[in-house]
Amino acid sequence: MANEKNPQNQINIELPEEVAEGIYSNLAIISHSNAEFVIDFIRLVPNVPKAKVKSRIILTPQHAKRLLRALADNVKKFEAQHGAIEEIEQTPPFPMNFNTPKAEA
């Protein structure tokens, strides 16, 4: 976050075009050790038995806690502006079935 009173506290962040496009993920798996948290972002595709990890983020426990607070704050702001985010009662069993016909070549 930039501090207008003290320009020495500013960070110049570059966002390359290929990163700016983002990666779609519909599943995240979080694991941890005593030194780090690992978040694997996965894309499940209908009728494909093998899902791929599309991105992996490794965080220190301190950064993981900051991320948790930042996400909670952003969800709160989002819901204040757009209404409550409805949660599904139970996560569907794996693999997810999108009710689409199986592809045939």
Protein backbone atom coordinates (compact mmCIF):
# COMPACT_ATOMS: atom_id res chain seq x y z
CA MET A 1 0.00 0.00 0.00
CA ALA A 2 1.45 3.38 -0.96
CA ASN A 3 2.02 5.99 1.68
CA GLU A 4 1.53 9.46 0.14
CA LYS A 5 3.29 11.21 3.04
CA ASN A 6 6.42 9.08 2.73
CA PRO A 7 7.25 8.07 -0.87
CA GLN A 8 10.03 5.79 0.41
CA ASN A 9 7.31 3.37 1.58
CA GLN A 10 5.90 2.98 -1.96
CA ILE A 11 6.27 -0.28 -3.84
CA ASN A 12 6.32 -0.36 -7.62
CA ILE A 13 4.53 -3.56 -8.69
CA GLU A 14 4.70 -4.85 -12.25
CA LEU A 15 1.86 -7.02 -13.55
CA PRO A 16 2.94 -8.88 -16.71
CA GLU A 17 0.17 -9.39 -19.27
CA GLU A 18 0.24 -13.20 -19.04
CA VAL A 19 -0.19 -13.00 -15.25
CA ALA A 20 -2.89 -10.30 -15.51
CA GLU A 21 -5.07 -12.72 -17.49
CA GLY A 22 -5.38 -14.85 -14.36
CA ILE A 23 -5.87 -18.57 -13.89
CA TYR A 24 -9.35 -20.02 -13.32
CA SER A 25 -9.63 -22.39 -10.38
CA ASN A 26 -12.69 -24.10 -8.93
CA LEU A 27 -10.89 -25.98 -6.16
CA ALA A 28 -8.13 -25.07 -3.72
CA ILE A 29 -6.28 -27.53 -1.51
CA ILE A 30 -4.40 -26.10 1.45
CA SER A 31 -1.68 -27.93 3.34
CA HIS A 32 0.95 -26.77 5.79
CA SER A 33 4.13 -27.67 7.60
CA ASN A 34 5.66 -25.99 10.62
CA ALA A 35 7.30 -23.42 8.31
CA GLU A 36 4.91 -22.79 5.42
CA PHE A 37 1.41 -22.97 3.97
CA VAL A 38 0.96 -24.37 0.47
CA ILE A 39 -2.16 -23.49 -1.54
CA ASP A 40 -2.71 -25.48 -4.73
CA PHE A 41 -5.27 -23.98 -7.10
CA ILE A 42 -6.87 -26.68 -9.24
CA ARG A 43 -9.22 -26.68 -12.20
CA LEU A 44 -11.74 -29.51 -12.34
CA VAL A 45 -13.14 -30.11 -15.81
CA PRO A 46 -16.42 -31.97 -16.45
CA ASN A 47 -16.05 -35.67 -17.26
CA VAL A 48 -12.26 -35.58 -16.99
CA PRO A 49 -11.03 -37.88 -14.23
CA LYS A 50 -7.69 -36.11 -13.80
CA ALA A 51 -7.56 -32.55 -12.45
CA LYS A 52 -4.50 -30.35 -12.85
CA VAL A 53 -2.88 -27.99 -10.38
CA LYS A 54 -2.83 -24.69 -12.26
CA SER A 55 -0.93 -22.66 -9.68
CA ARG A 56 0.82 -23.20 -6.35
CA ILE A 57 1.38 -20.45 -3.81
CA ILE A 58 3.72 -20.98 -0.86
CA LEU A 59 3.37 -18.64 2.12
CA THR A 60 4.93 -18.20 5.53
CA PRO A 61 2.45 -18.72 8.40
CA GLN A 62 2.47 -14.95 9.00
CA HIS A 63 1.59 -14.19 5.38
CA ALA A 64 -1.09 -16.89 5.40
CA LYS A 65 -2.72 -15.20 8.39
CA ARG A 66 -2.53 -11.80 6.65
CA LEU A 67 -4.12 -13.35 3.55
CA LEU A 68 -6.90 -14.82 5.69
CA ARG A 69 -7.66 -11.39 7.18
CA ALA A 70 -7.47 -9.66 3.78
CA LEU A 71 -9.86 -12.20 2.20
CA ALA A 72 -12.31 -11.86 5.11
CA ASP A 73 -12.21 -8.07 4.79
CA ASN A 74 -12.77 -8.21 1.02
CA VAL A 75 -15.65 -10.70 1.31
CA LYS A 76 -17.28 -8.42 3.91
CA LYS A 77 -16.94 -5.41 1.57
CA PHE A 78 -18.21 -7.42 -1.41
CA GLU A 79 -21.29 -8.58 0.50
CA ALA A 80 -22.00 -5.05 1.73
CA GLN A 81 -22.05 -3.89 -1.89
CA HIS A 82 -23.60 -6.89 -3.68
CA GLY A 83 -25.46 -8.87 -1.01
CA ALA A 84 -24.67 -12.11 0.75
CA ILE A 85 -22.69 -14.78 -1.08
CA GLU A 86 -24.76 -17.95 -0.95
CA GLU A 87 -22.85 -21.05 0.06
CA ILE A 88 -23.67 -24.54 -1.14
CA GLU A 89 -24.66 -26.73 1.82
CA GLN A 90 -22.20 -29.48 0.97
CA THR A 91 -19.28 -29.65 -1.42
CA PRO A 92 -20.09 -32.04 -4.26
CA PRO A 93 -18.23 -35.37 -4.17
CA PHE A 94 -15.29 -35.78 -6.51
CA PRO A 95 -15.21 -35.81 -9.43
CA MET A 96 -17.59 -32.91 -9.98
CA ASN A 97 -20.31 -33.71 -12.48
CA PHE A 98 -21.37 -30.72 -14.55
CA ASN A 99 -24.18 -32.74 -16.19
CA THR A 100 -22.62 -32.46 -19.63
CA PRO A 101 -22.33 -35.28 -22.13
CA LYS A 102 -18.96 -36.98 -22.41
CA ALA A 103 -16.90 -35.71 -25.30
CA GLU A 104 -16.39 -38.11 -28.16
CA ALA A 105 -13.88 -37.77 -30.97
